[in-house]
PDB file of N, CA and C in Angstrom:
ATOM      1  N   MET A   1     102.685  91.658 107.633  1.00  0.00           N
ATOM      2  CA  MET A   1     101.359  92.222 107.852  1.00  0.00           C
ATOM      3  C   MET A   1     101.459  93.747 107.759  1.00  0.00           C
ATOM      4  N   ALA A   2     100.846  94.314 106.778  1.00  0.00           N
ATOM      5  CA  ALA A   2     100.873  95.759 106.565  1.00  0.00           C
ATOM      6  C   ALA A   2      99.803  96.448 107.410  1.00  0.00           C
ATOM      7  N   ILE A   3     100.036  97.726 107.673  1.00  0.00           N
ATOM      8  CA  ILE A   3      98.973  98.493 108.316  1.00  0.00           C
ATOM      9  C   ILE A   3      98.012  98.972 107.232  1.00  0.00           C
ATOM     10  N   THR A   4      96.795  99.201 107.620  1.00  0.00           N
ATOM     11  CA  THR A   4      95.748  99.577 106.676  1.00  0.00           C
ATOM     12  C   THR A   4      95.318 101.016 106.922  1.00  0.00           C
ATOM     13  N   PRO A   5      94.592 101.605 105.972  1.00  0.00           N
ATOM     14  CA  PRO A   5      94.036 102.939 106.219  1.00  0.00           C
ATOM     15  C   PRO A   5      93.169 102.972 107.482  1.00  0.00           C
ATOM     16  N   GLU A   6      92.447 101.887 107.744  1.00  0.00           N
ATOM     17  CA  GLU A   6      91.614 101.830 108.950  1.00  0.00           C
ATOM     18  C   GLU A   6      92.470 101.830 110.216  1.00  0.00           C
ATOM     19  N   ASP A   7      93.611 101.116 110.197  1.00  0.00           N
ATOM     20  CA  ASP A   7      94.543 101.140 111.336  1.00  0.00           C
ATOM     21  C   ASP A   7      95.023 102.571 111.597  1.00  0.00           C
ATOM     22  N   LEU A   8      95.343 103.273 110.528  1.00  0.00           N
ATOM     23  CA  LEU A   8      95.829 104.643 110.651  1.00  0.00           C
ATOM     24  C   LEU A   8      94.737 105.567 111.183  1.00  0.00           C
ATOM     25  N   ARG A   9      93.527 105.404 110.723  1.00  0.00           N
ATOM     26  CA  ARG A   9      92.408 106.216 111.226  1.00  0.00           C
ATOM     27  C   ARG A   9      92.162 105.945 112.713  1.00  0.00           C
ATOM     28  N   ASN A  10      92.272 104.683 113.126  1.00  0.00           N
ATOM     29  CA  ASN A  10      92.076 104.338 114.537  1.00  0.00           C
ATOM     30  C   ASN A  10      93.193 104.886 115.420  1.00  0.00           C
ATOM     31  N   TYR A  11      94.387 105.025 114.873  1.00  0.00           N
ATOM     32  CA  TYR A  11      95.539 105.517 115.637  1.00  0.00           C
ATOM     33  C   TYR A  11      95.516 107.040 115.805  1.00  0.00           C
ATOM     34  N   THR A  12      95.186 107.750 114.753  1.00  0.00           N
ATOM     35  CA  THR A  12      95.341 109.206 114.753  1.00  0.00           C
ATOM     36  C   THR A  12      94.247 109.922 115.533  1.00  0.00           C
ATOM     37  N   THR A  13      94.596 111.131 115.984  1.00  0.00           N
ATOM     38  CA  THR A  13      93.605 112.014 116.605  1.00  0.00           C
ATOM     39  C   THR A  13      93.307 113.202 115.693  1.00  0.00           C
ATOM     40  N   PHE A  14      93.998 113.275 114.556  1.00  0.00           N
ATOM     41  CA  PHE A  14      93.834 114.388 113.626  1.00  0.00           C
ATOM     42  C   PHE A  14      92.672 114.126 112.671  1.00  0.00           C
ATOM     43  N   GLU A  15      91.708 115.042 112.659  1.00  0.00           N
ATOM     44  CA  GLU A  15      90.541 114.905 111.778  1.00  0.00           C
ATOM     45  C   GLU A  15      90.944 114.916 110.312  1.00  0.00           C
ATOM     46  N   SER A  16      91.962 115.702 109.963  1.00  0.00           N
ATOM     47  CA  SER A  16      92.375 115.769 108.560  1.00  0.00           C
ATOM     48  C   SER A  16      92.889 114.421 108.071  1.00  0.00           C
ATOM     49  N   VAL A  17      93.508 113.647 108.959  1.00  0.00           N
ATOM     50  CA  VAL A  17      93.977 112.308 108.583  1.00  0.00           C
ATOM     51  C   VAL A  17      92.797 111.354 108.482  1.00  0.00           C
ATOM     52  N   LYS A  18      91.871 111.452 109.430  1.00  0.00           N
ATOM     53  CA  LYS A  18      90.701 110.569 109.427  1.00  0.00           C
ATOM     54  C   LYS A  18      89.837 110.760 108.185  1.00  0.00           C
ATOM     55  N   LYS A  19      89.831 111.972 107.636  1.00  0.00           N
ATOM     56  CA  LYS A  19      88.971 112.281 106.484  1.00  0.00           C
ATOM     57  C   LYS A  19      89.631 111.992 105.137  1.00  0.00           C
ATOM     58  N   ARG A  20      90.926 111.651 105.138  1.00  0.00           N
ATOM     59  CA  ARG A  20      91.599 111.370 103.859  1.00  0.00           C
ATOM     60  C   ARG A  20      91.049 110.090 103.243  1.00  0.00           C
ATOM     61  N   PRO A  21      90.889 110.068 101.930  1.00  0.00           N
ATOM     62  CA  PRO A  21      90.411 108.858 101.246  1.00  0.00           C
ATOM     63  C   PRO A  21      91.405 107.699 101.398  1.00  0.00           C
ATOM     64  N   ASP A  22      90.892 106.481 101.340  1.00  0.00           N
ATOM     65  CA  ASP A  22      91.734 105.293 101.485  1.00  0.00           C
ATOM     66  C   ASP A  22      92.914 105.298 100.516  1.00  0.00           C
ATOM     67  N   ALA A  23      92.683 105.684  99.281  1.00  0.00           N
ATOM     68  CA  ALA A  23      93.746 105.669  98.277  1.00  0.00           C
ATOM     69  C   ALA A  23      94.903 106.579  98.687  1.00  0.00           C
ATOM     70  N   GLN A  24      94.585 107.737  99.250  1.00  0.00           N
ATOM     71  CA  GLN A  24      95.639 108.654  99.693  1.00  0.00           C
ATOM     72  C   GLN A  24      96.342 108.127 100.941  1.00  0.00           C
ATOM     73  N   LEU A  25      95.574 107.555 101.870  1.00  0.00           N
ATOM     74  CA  LEU A  25      96.193 106.977 103.066  1.00  0.00           C
ATOM     75  C   LEU A  25      97.101 105.808 102.698  1.00  0.00           C
ATOM     76  N   GLU A  26      96.720 105.029 101.707  1.00  0.00           N
ATOM     77  CA  GLU A  26      97.572 103.930 101.259  1.00  0.00           C
ATOM     78  C   GLU A  26      98.914 104.449 100.740  1.00  0.00           C
ATOM     79  N   MET A  27      98.900 105.578 100.053  1.00  0.00           N
ATOM     80  CA  MET A  27     100.149 106.174  99.577  1.00  0.00           C
ATOM     81  C   MET A  27     100.991 106.713 100.747  1.00  0.00           C
ATOM     82  N   ASP A  28     100.323 107.302 101.754  1.00  0.00           N
ATOM     83  CA  ASP A  28     101.025 107.772 102.950  1.00  0.00           C
ATOM     84  C   ASP A  28     101.675 106.603 103.686  1.00  0.00           C
ATOM     85  N   ILE A  29     100.954 105.492 103.763  1.00  0.00           N
ATOM     86  CA  ILE A  29     101.466 104.284 104.423  1.00  0.00           C
ATOM     87  C   ILE A  29     102.655 103.724 103.638  1.00  0.00           C
ATOM     88  N   LEU A  30     102.570 103.754 102.314  1.00  0.00           N
ATOM     89  CA  LEU A  30     103.673 103.292 101.473  1.00  0.00           C
ATOM     90  C   LEU A  30     104.911 104.164 101.675  1.00  0.00           C
ATOM     91  N   GLU A  31     104.723 105.484 101.716  1.00  0.00           N
ATOM     92  CA  GLU A  31     105.853 106.387 101.971  1.00  0.00           C
ATOM     93  C   GLU A  31     106.511 106.063 103.308  1.00  0.00           C
ATOM     94  N   ALA A  32     105.694 105.812 104.325  1.00  0.00           N
ATOM     95  CA  ALA A  32     106.220 105.478 105.647  1.00  0.00           C
ATOM     96  C   ALA A  32     106.982 104.152 105.614  1.00  0.00           C
ATOM     97  N   GLU A  33     106.444 103.181 104.881  1.00  0.00           N
ATOM     98  CA  GLU A  33     107.113 101.883 104.767  1.00  0.00           C
ATOM     99  C   GLU A  33     108.489 102.040 104.128  1.00  0.00           C
ATOM    100  N   ILE A  34     108.575 102.811 103.074  1.00  0.00           N
ATOM    101  CA  ILE A  34     109.853 103.042 102.387  1.00  0.00           C
ATOM    102  C   ILE A  34     110.827 103.739 103.330  1.00  0.00           C
ATOM    103  N   TYR A  35     110.350 104.744 104.050  1.00  0.00           N
ATOM    104  CA  TYR A  35     111.208 105.476 104.995  1.00  0.00           C
ATOM    105  C   TYR A  35     111.787 104.530 106.046  1.00  0.00           C
ATOM    106  N   ILE A  36     110.938 103.687 106.646  1.00  0.00           N
ATOM    107  CA  ILE A  36     111.385 102.785 107.703  1.00  0.00           C
ATOM    108  C   ILE A  36     112.274 101.677 107.128  1.00  0.00           C
ATOM    109  N   ASN A  37     111.921 101.139 105.971  1.00  0.00           N
ATOM    110  CA  ASN A  37     112.749 100.088 105.361  1.00  0.00           C
ATOM    111  C   ASN A  37     114.164 100.564 105.066  1.00  0.00           C
ATOM    112  N   ASN A  38     114.331 101.845 104.784  1.00  0.00           N
ATOM    113  CA  ASN A  38     115.665 102.396 104.543  1.00  0.00           C
ATOM    114  C   ASN A  38     116.489 102.493 105.820  1.00  0.00           C
ATOM    115  N   LYS A  39     115.846 102.364 106.957  1.00  0.00           N
ATOM    116  CA  LYS A  39     116.542 102.487 108.231  1.00  0.00           C
ATOM    117  C   LYS A  39     116.811 101.148 108.914  1.00  0.00           C
ATOM    118  N   ILE A  40     115.945 100.164 108.695  1.00  0.00           N
ATOM    119  CA  ILE A  40     116.065  98.912 109.430  1.00  0.00           C
ATOM    120  C   ILE A  40     116.718  97.819 108.585  1.00  0.00           C
ATOM    121  N   GLU A  41     117.143  96.749 109.277  1.00  0.00           N
ATOM    122  CA  GLU A  41     117.871  95.669 108.627  1.00  0.00           C
ATOM    123  C   GLU A  41     116.964  94.763 107.801  1.00  0.00           C
ATOM    124  N   LYS A  42     115.822  94.381 108.353  1.00  0.00           N
ATOM    125  CA  LYS A  42     114.893  93.456 107.698  1.00  0.00           C
ATOM    126  C   LYS A  42     113.648  94.227 107.269  1.00  0.00           C
ATOM    127  N   PRO A  43     113.281  94.204 105.976  1.00  0.00           N
ATOM    128  CA  PRO A  43     112.109  94.963 105.510  1.00  0.00           C
ATOM    129  C   PRO A  43     110.825  94.572 106.245  1.00  0.00           C
ATOM    130  N   LEU A  44     109.931  95.515 106.386  1.00  0.00           N
ATOM    131  CA  LEU A  44     108.686  95.313 107.121  1.00  0.00           C
ATOM    132  C   LEU A  44     107.850  94.166 106.572  1.00  0.00           C
ATOM    133  N   ASP A  45     107.850  93.981 105.266  1.00  0.00           N
ATOM    134  CA  ASP A  45     107.000  92.942 104.676  1.00  0.00           C
ATOM    135  C   ASP A  45     107.538  91.525 104.884  1.00  0.00           C
ATOM    136  N   GLU A  46     108.730  91.385 105.461  1.00  0.00           N
ATOM    137  CA  GLU A  46     109.294  90.059 105.716  1.00  0.00           C
ATOM    138  C   GLU A  46     108.924  89.511 107.094  1.00  0.00           C
ATOM    139  N   TYR A  47     108.234  90.291 107.899  1.00  0.00           N
ATOM    140  CA  TYR A  47     107.821  89.826 109.223  1.00  0.00           C
ATOM    141  C   TYR A  47     106.502  89.080 109.116  1.00  0.00           C
ATOM    142  N   ASP A  48     106.446  87.880 109.735  1.00  0.00           N
ATOM    143  CA  ASP A  48     105.187  87.140 109.804  1.00  0.00           C
ATOM    144  C   ASP A  48     104.200  87.890 110.688  1.00  0.00           C
ATOM    145  N   GLU A  49     104.698  88.330 111.830  1.00  0.00           N
ATOM    146  CA  GLU A  49     103.905  89.164 112.729  1.00  0.00           C
ATOM    147  C   GLU A  49     104.738  90.390 113.062  1.00  0.00           C
ATOM    148  N   LEU A  50     104.214  91.548 112.752  1.00  0.00           N
ATOM    149  CA  LEU A  50     104.943  92.795 112.933  1.00  0.00           C
ATOM    150  C   LEU A  50     105.111  93.103 114.419  1.00  0.00           C
ATOM    151  N   PRO A  51     106.364  93.277 114.887  1.00  0.00           N
ATOM    152  CA  PRO A  51     106.564  93.643 116.292  1.00  0.00           C
ATOM    153  C   PRO A  51     105.857  94.957 116.611  1.00  0.00           C
ATOM    154  N   PRO A  52     105.344  95.103 117.843  1.00  0.00           N
ATOM    155  CA  PRO A  52     104.589  96.316 118.206  1.00  0.00           C
ATOM    156  C   PRO A  52     105.384  97.605 118.019  1.00  0.00           C
ATOM    157  N   GLU A  53     106.703  97.559 118.257  1.00  0.00           N
ATOM    158  CA  GLU A  53     107.536  98.763 118.095  1.00  0.00           C
ATOM    159  C   GLU A  53     107.552  99.210 116.637  1.00  0.00           C
ATOM    160  N   LEU A  54     107.660  98.249 115.723  1.00  0.00           N
ATOM    161  CA  LEU A  54     107.676  98.598 114.302  1.00  0.00           C
ATOM    162  C   LEU A  54     106.321  99.080 113.829  1.00  0.00           C
ATOM    163  N   LYS A  55     105.257  98.469 114.338  1.00  0.00           N
ATOM    164  CA  LYS A  55     103.917  98.909 113.952  1.00  0.00           C
ATOM    165  C   LYS A  55     103.672 100.345 114.413  1.00  0.00           C
ATOM    166  N   LEU A  56     104.071 100.656 115.644  1.00  0.00           N
ATOM    167  CA  LEU A  56     103.889 102.012 116.158  1.00  0.00           C
ATOM    168  C   LEU A  56     104.724 103.012 115.355  1.00  0.00           C
ATOM    169  N   ALA A  57     105.959 102.649 115.055  1.00  0.00           N
ATOM    170  CA  ALA A  57     106.817 103.533 114.249  1.00  0.00           C
ATOM    171  C   ALA A  57     106.183 103.775 112.880  1.00  0.00           C
ATOM    172  N   TRP A  58     105.658 102.723 112.273  1.00  0.00           N
ATOM    173  CA  TRP A  58     105.027 102.820 110.956  1.00  0.00           C
ATOM    174  C   TRP A  58     103.806 103.735 111.015  1.00  0.00           C
ATOM    175  N   LEU A  59     102.991 103.578 112.051  1.00  0.00           N
ATOM    176  CA  LEU A  59     101.805 104.431 112.206  1.00  0.00           C
ATOM    177  C   LEU A  59     102.197 105.891 112.401  1.00  0.00           C
ATOM    178  N   LYS A  60     103.219 106.143 113.222  1.00  0.00           N
ATOM    179  CA  LYS A  60     103.653 107.522 113.474  1.00  0.00           C
ATOM    180  C   LYS A  60     104.143 108.199 112.194  1.00  0.00           C
ATOM    181  N   VAL A  61     104.947 107.482 111.424  1.00  0.00           N
ATOM    182  CA  VAL A  61     105.488 108.060 110.187  1.00  0.00           C
ATOM    183  C   VAL A  61     104.382 108.211 109.136  1.00  0.00           C
ATOM    184  N   ALA A  62     103.481 107.243 109.055  1.00  0.00           N
ATOM    185  CA  ALA A  62     102.363 107.341 108.101  1.00  0.00           C
ATOM    186  C   ALA A  62     101.463 108.528 108.451  1.00  0.00           C
ATOM    187  N   GLN A  63     101.224 108.739 109.738  1.00  0.00           N
ATOM    188  CA  GLN A  63     100.427 109.888 110.169  1.00  0.00           C
ATOM    189  C   GLN A  63     101.115 111.194 109.769  1.00  0.00           C
ATOM    190  N   PHE A  64     102.433 111.252 109.947  1.00  0.00           N
ATOM    191  CA  PHE A  64     103.201 112.437 109.555  1.00  0.00           C
ATOM    192  C   PHE A  64     103.028 112.715 108.060  1.00  0.00           C
ATOM    193  N   TYR A  65     103.198 111.673 107.234  1.00  0.00           N
ATOM    194  CA  TYR A  65     103.037 111.872 105.791  1.00  0.00           C
ATOM    195  C   TYR A  65     101.611 112.263 105.430  1.00  0.00           C
ATOM    196  N   ALA A  66     100.628 111.701 106.114  1.00  0.00           N
ATOM    197  CA  ALA A  66      99.234 112.062 105.851  1.00  0.00           C
ATOM    198  C   ALA A  66      98.991 113.530 106.180  1.00  0.00           C
ATOM    199  N   LEU A  67      99.567 114.011 107.267  1.00  0.00           N
ATOM    200  CA  LEU A  67      99.410 115.426 107.634  1.00  0.00           C
ATOM    201  C   LEU A  67     100.082 116.336 106.623  1.00  0.00           C
ATOM    202  N   ILE A  68     101.301 115.995 106.260  1.00  0.00           N
ATOM    203  CA  ILE A  68     102.058 116.822 105.304  1.00  0.00           C
ATOM    204  C   ILE A  68     101.407 116.797 103.924  1.00  0.00           C
ATOM    205  N   ASN A  69     101.055 115.609 103.455  1.00  0.00           N
ATOM    206  CA  ASN A  69     100.475 115.478 102.113  1.00  0.00           C
ATOM    207  C   ASN A  69      99.061 116.037 102.032  1.00  0.00           C
ATOM    208  N   GLY A  70      98.385 116.130 103.165  1.00  0.00           N
ATOM    209  CA  GLY A  70      97.006 116.599 103.159  1.00  0.00           C
ATOM    210  C   GLY A  70      96.838 118.076 103.403  1.00  0.00           C
ATOM    211  N   ASP A  71      97.920 118.765 103.743  1.00  0.00           N
ATOM    212  CA  ASP A  71      97.815 120.184 104.064  1.00  0.00           C
ATOM    213  C   ASP A  71      98.913 120.952 103.348  1.00  0.00           C
ATOM    214  N   GLU A  72      98.554 121.602 102.268  1.00  0.00           N
ATOM    215  CA  GLU A  72      99.522 122.326 101.443  1.00  0.00           C
ATOM    216  C   GLU A  72     100.264 123.398 102.232  1.00  0.00           C
ATOM    217  N   SER A  73      99.574 124.050 103.151  1.00  0.00           N
ATOM    218  CA  SER A  73     100.226 125.121 103.904  1.00  0.00           C
ATOM    219  C   SER A  73     101.325 124.581 104.813  1.00  0.00           C
ATOM    220  N   MET A  74     101.137 123.379 105.380  1.00  0.00           N
ATOM    221  CA  MET A  74     102.187 122.789 106.215  1.00  0.00           C
ATOM    222  C   MET A  74     103.376 122.375 105.369  1.00  0.00           C
ATOM    223  N   ALA A  75     103.116 121.852 104.196  1.00  0.00           N
ATOM    224  CA  ALA A  75     104.194 121.436 103.312  1.00  0.00           C
ATOM    225  C   ALA A  75     105.039 122.634 102.892  1.00  0.00           C
ATOM    226  N   LYS A  76     104.392 123.783 102.721  1.00  0.00           N
ATOM    227  CA  LYS A  76     105.113 124.985 102.317  1.00  0.00           C
ATOM    228  C   LYS A  76     105.716 125.729 103.499  1.00  0.00           C
ATOM    229  N   GLY A  77     105.315 125.375 104.723  1.00  0.00           N
ATOM    230  CA  GLY A  77     105.872 126.025 105.900  1.00  0.00           C
ATOM    231  C   GLY A  77     105.316 127.411 106.155  1.00  0.00           C
ATOM    232  N   TYR A  78     104.037 127.658 105.839  1.00  0.00           N
ATOM    233  CA  TYR A  78     103.436 128.954 106.136  1.00  0.00           C
ATOM    234  C   TYR A  78     103.547 129.240 107.621  1.00  0.00           C
ATOM    235  N   LYS A  79     103.651 130.522 107.948  1.00  0.00           N
ATOM    236  CA  LYS A  79     103.761 130.891 109.351  1.00  0.00           C
ATOM    237  C   LYS A  79     102.424 130.781 110.070  1.00  0.00           C
ATOM    238  N   SER A  80     101.347 131.174 109.435  1.00  0.00           N
ATOM    239  CA  SER A  80     100.037 131.040 110.076  1.00  0.00           C
ATOM    240  C   SER A  80      98.977 130.811 109.014  1.00  0.00           C
ATOM    241  N   GLU A  81      97.889 130.233 109.465  1.00  0.00           N
ATOM    242  CA  GLU A  81      96.791 129.919 108.555  1.00  0.00           C
ATOM    243  C   GLU A  81      95.491 130.033 109.331  1.00  0.00           C
ATOM    244  N   ARG A  82      94.464 130.531 108.688  1.00  0.00           N
ATOM    245  CA  ARG A  82      93.158 130.637 109.322  1.00  0.00           C
ATOM    246  C   ARG A  82      92.122 129.968 108.429  1.00  0.00           C
ATOM    247  N   ILE A  83      91.371 129.040 109.035  1.00  0.00           N
ATOM    248  CA  ILE A  83      90.306 128.338 108.318  1.00  0.00           C
ATOM    249  C   ILE A  83      89.053 128.498 109.158  1.00  0.00           C
ATOM    250  N   GLY A  84      88.158 129.359 108.750  1.00  0.00           N
ATOM    251  CA  GLY A  84      86.953 129.626 109.534  1.00  0.00           C
ATOM    252  C   GLY A  84      87.328 130.159 110.906  1.00  0.00           C
ATOM    253  N   ASP A  85      86.840 129.519 111.957  1.00  0.00           N
ATOM    254  CA  ASP A  85      87.161 129.929 113.318  1.00  0.00           C
ATOM    255  C   ASP A  85      88.447 129.295 113.832  1.00  0.00           C
ATOM    256  N   TYR A  86      89.062 128.434 113.054  1.00  0.00           N
ATOM    257  CA  TYR A  86      90.252 127.710 113.486  1.00  0.00           C
ATOM    258  C   TYR A  86      91.485 128.358 112.872  1.00  0.00           C
ATOM    259  N   SER A  87      92.522 128.518 113.669  1.00  0.00           N
ATOM    260  CA  SER A  87      93.787 129.018 113.125  1.00  0.00           C
ATOM    261  C   SER A  87      94.945 128.323 113.815  1.00  0.00           C
ATOM    262  N   TYR A  88      96.073 128.254 113.108  1.00  0.00           N
ATOM    263  CA  TYR A  88      97.282 127.703 113.709  1.00  0.00           C
ATOM    264  C   TYR A  88      98.470 128.511 113.232  1.00  0.00           C
ATOM    265  N   THR A  89      99.530 128.476 113.997  1.00  0.00           N
ATOM    266  CA  THR A  89     100.751 129.200 113.669  1.00  0.00           C
ATOM    267  C   THR A  89     101.931 128.268 113.823  1.00  0.00           C
ATOM    268  N   LEU A  90     102.811 128.275 112.843  1.00  0.00           N
ATOM    269  CA  LEU A  90     104.064 127.548 112.925  1.00  0.00           C
ATOM    270  C   LEU A  90     105.152 128.583 113.145  1.00  0.00           C
ATOM    271  N   SER A  91     105.844 128.501 114.264  1.00  0.00           N
ATOM    272  CA  SER A  91     106.823 129.532 114.613  1.00  0.00           C
ATOM    273  C   SER A  91     107.916 129.631 113.560  1.00  0.00           C
ATOM    274  N   ASP A  92     108.261 130.845 113.240  1.00  0.00           N
ATOM    275  CA  ASP A  92     109.324 131.170 112.288  1.00  0.00           C
ATOM    276  C   ASP A  92     109.145 130.504 110.922  1.00  0.00           C
ATOM    277  N   GLY A  93     107.910 130.196 110.566  1.00  0.00           N
ATOM    278  CA  GLY A  93     107.658 129.610 109.263  1.00  0.00           C
ATOM    279  C   GLY A  93     108.123 128.168 109.135  1.00  0.00           C
ATOM    280  N   SER A  94     108.462 127.536 110.251  1.00  0.00           N
ATOM    281  CA  SER A  94     108.928 126.152 110.173  1.00  0.00           C
ATOM    282  C   SER A  94     107.746 125.216 109.933  1.00  0.00           C
ATOM    283  N   SER A  95     108.039 124.073 109.393  1.00  0.00           N
ATOM    284  CA  SER A  95     106.982 123.107 109.121  1.00  0.00           C
ATOM    285  C   SER A  95     107.067 121.952 110.112  1.00  0.00           C
ATOM    286  N   LEU A  96     106.140 121.022 110.013  1.00  0.00           N
ATOM    287  CA  LEU A  96     106.173 119.844 110.868  1.00  0.00           C
ATOM    288  C   LEU A  96     107.463 119.077 110.641  1.00  0.00           C
ATOM    289  N   THR A  97     107.931 118.405 111.677  1.00  0.00           N
ATOM    290  CA  THR A  97     109.133 117.588 111.530  1.00  0.00           C
ATOM    291  C   THR A  97     108.780 116.123 111.713  1.00  0.00           C
ATOM    292  N   MET A  98     109.573 115.278 111.116  1.00  0.00           N
ATOM    293  CA  MET A  98     109.389 113.833 111.216  1.00  0.00           C
ATOM    294  C   MET A  98     109.441 113.439 112.691  1.00  0.00           C
ATOM    295  N   PRO A  99     108.523 112.579 113.139  1.00  0.00           N
ATOM    296  CA  PRO A  99     108.568 112.150 114.536  1.00  0.00           C
ATOM    297  C   PRO A  99     109.843 111.355 114.810  1.00  0.00           C
ATOM    298  N   ASP A 100     110.360 111.473 116.018  1.00  0.00           N
ATOM    299  CA  ASP A 100     111.564 110.738 116.401  1.00  0.00           C
ATOM    300  C   ASP A 100     111.160 109.309 116.764  1.00  0.00           C
ATOM    301  N   ILE A 101     111.496 108.388 115.899  1.00  0.00           N
ATOM    302  CA  ILE A 101     111.151 106.988 116.113  1.00  0.00           C
ATOM    303  C   ILE A 101     112.404 106.159 116.375  1.00  0.00           C
ATOM    304  N   SER A 102     113.518 106.814 116.654  1.00  0.00           N
ATOM    305  CA  SER A 102     114.788 106.101 116.823  1.00  0.00           C
ATOM    306  C   SER A 102     114.735 105.074 117.939  1.00  0.00           C
ATOM    307  N   SER A 103     114.078 105.386 119.039  1.00  0.00           N
ATOM    308  CA  SER A 103     114.011 104.413 120.138  1.00  0.00           C
ATOM    309  C   SER A 103     113.144 103.208 119.761  1.00  0.00           C
ATOM    310  N   LEU A 104     112.157 103.410 118.903  1.00  0.00           N
ATOM    311  CA  LEU A 104     111.314 102.303 118.458  1.00  0.00           C
ATOM    312  C   LEU A 104     112.057 101.379 117.485  1.00  0.00           C
ATOM    313  N   LEU A 105     112.988 101.942 116.722  1.00  0.00           N
ATOM    314  CA  LEU A 105     113.711 101.166 115.713  1.00  0.00           C
ATOM    315  C   LEU A 105     115.030 100.601 116.221  1.00  0.00           C
ATOM    316  N   GLU A 106     115.433 100.981 117.407  1.00  0.00           N
ATOM    317  CA  GLU A 106     116.757 100.649 117.940  1.00  0.00           C
ATOM    318  C   GLU A 106     117.122  99.165 117.813  1.00  0.00           C
ATOM    319  N   ASP A 107     116.205  98.272 118.148  1.00  0.00           N
ATOM    320  CA  ASP A 107     116.488  96.834 118.110  1.00  0.00           C
ATOM    321  C   ASP A 107     116.469  96.249 116.706  1.00  0.00           C
ATOM    322  N   PHE A 108     116.084  97.041 115.719  1.00  0.00           N
ATOM    323  CA  PHE A 108     115.931  96.527 114.360  1.00  0.00           C
ATOM    324  C   PHE A 108     116.947  97.130 113.386  1.00  0.00           C
ATOM    325  N   LEU A 109     117.872  97.922 113.898  1.00  0.00           N
ATOM    326  CA  LEU A 109     118.891  98.544 113.059  1.00  0.00           C
ATOM    327  C   LEU A 109     119.986  97.537 112.728  1.00  0.00           C
ATOM    328  N   PRO A 110     120.650  97.693 111.576  1.00  0.00           N
ATOM    329  CA  PRO A 110     121.775  96.808 111.263  1.00  0.00           C
ATOM    330  C   PRO A 110     122.823  96.889 112.375  1.00  0.00           C
ATOM    331  N   ASP A 111     123.382  95.746 112.738  1.00  0.00           N
ATOM    332  CA  ASP A 111     124.383  95.652 113.811  1.00  0.00           C
ATOM    333  C   ASP A 111     123.841  96.162 115.137  1.00  0.00           C
ATOM    334  N   GLY A 112     122.538  96.060 115.343  1.00  0.00           N
ATOM    335  CA  GLY A 112     121.940  96.493 116.607  1.00  0.00           C
ATOM    336  C   GLY A 112     122.089  97.970 116.872  1.00  0.00           C
ATOM    337  N   GLY A 113     122.268  98.761 115.825  1.00  0.00           N
ATOM    338  CA  GLY A 113     122.432 100.196 115.991  1.00  0.00           C
ATOM    339  C   GLY A 113     123.865 100.595 116.253  1.00  0.00           C
ATOM    340  N   ASN A 114     124.757  99.612 116.346  1.00  0.00           N
ATOM    341  CA  ASN A 114     126.173  99.892 116.576  1.00  0.00           C
ATOM    342  C   ASN A 114     126.789 100.361 115.267  1.00  0.00           C
ATOM    343  N   ASN A 115     127.480 101.474 115.320  1.00  0.00           N
ATOM    344  CA  ASN A 115     128.056 102.017 114.088  1.00  0.00           C
ATOM    345  C   ASN A 115     129.414 101.415 113.761  1.00  0.00           C
ATOM    346  N   GLY A 116     129.840 100.394 114.545  1.00  0.00           N
ATOM    347  CA  GLY A 116     131.093  99.727 114.241  1.00  0.00           C
ATOM    348  C   GLY A 116     132.309 100.424 114.805  1.00  0.00           C
ATOM    349  N   PHE A 117     132.140 101.493 115.551  1.00  0.00           N
ATOM    350  CA  PHE A 117     133.250 102.236 116.114  1.00  0.00           C
ATOM    351  C   PHE A 117     133.468 101.785 117.550  1.00  0.00           C
ATOM    352  N   PHE A 118     134.692 101.422 117.882  1.00  0.00           N
ATOM    353  CA  PHE A 118     135.017 100.986 119.226  1.00  0.00           C
ATOM    354  C   PHE A 118     136.304 101.686 119.641  1.00  0.00           C
ATOM    355  N   MET A 119     136.325 102.268 120.827  1.00  0.00           N
ATOM    356  CA  MET A 119     137.508 102.960 121.305  1.00  0.00           C
ATOM    357  C   MET A 119     137.846 102.421 122.694  1.00  0.00           C
ATOM    358  N   ARG A 120     139.097 102.120 122.878  1.00  0.00           N
ATOM    359  CA  ARG A 120     139.566 101.667 124.172  1.00  0.00           C
ATOM    360  C   ARG A 120     140.513 102.729 124.711  1.00  0.00           C
ATOM    361  N   ILE A 121     140.267 103.162 125.909  1.00  0.00           N
ATOM    362  CA  ILE A 121     141.121 104.182 126.536  1.00  0.00           C
ATOM    363  C   ILE A 121     141.778 103.555 127.757  1.00  0.00           C
ATOM    364  N   ARG A 122     143.064 103.789 127.911  1.00  0.00           N
ATOM    365  CA  ARG A 122     143.763 103.305 129.092  1.00  0.00           C
ATOM    366  C   ARG A 122     144.557 104.437 129.720  1.00  0.00           C
ATOM    367  N   PRO A 123     144.693 104.373 131.004  1.00  0.00           N
ATOM    368  CA  PRO A 123     145.445 105.446 131.682  1.00  0.00           C
ATOM    369  C   PRO A 123     146.923 105.381 131.351  1.00  0.00           C
ATOM    370  N   LEU A 124     147.582 106.512 131.351  1.00  0.00           N
ATOM    371  CA  LEU A 124     149.037 106.571 131.094  1.00  0.00           C
ATOM    372  C   LEU A 124     149.822 106.538 132.362  1.00  0.00           C
TER     373      LEU A 124
END
């Protein structure tokens, strides 16, 4: 079960995301799906019912892509921008960063997130 542009609009509080056309939101959702599928063991489209943790992670990443793809100044990392009476500043010219969804994906990582490294220490 995929998320839809309407799901993303209902989740977000950002007006710029809510105003994006469905076709653009669908591309943002696709980018998020690819990003998450590269991290988890079982692809999102193989779930009969999407677990709530994966749905939330998908919405968070899709919102991030919608913000980045919808605002050229954020993509370029401008330090400040003024639009009418509204202005924002990104410190030191940094841009938005991907939301940390690691705790949401923890149960869905290959080998349960275990990197295969095991160390046993014993006293001498």
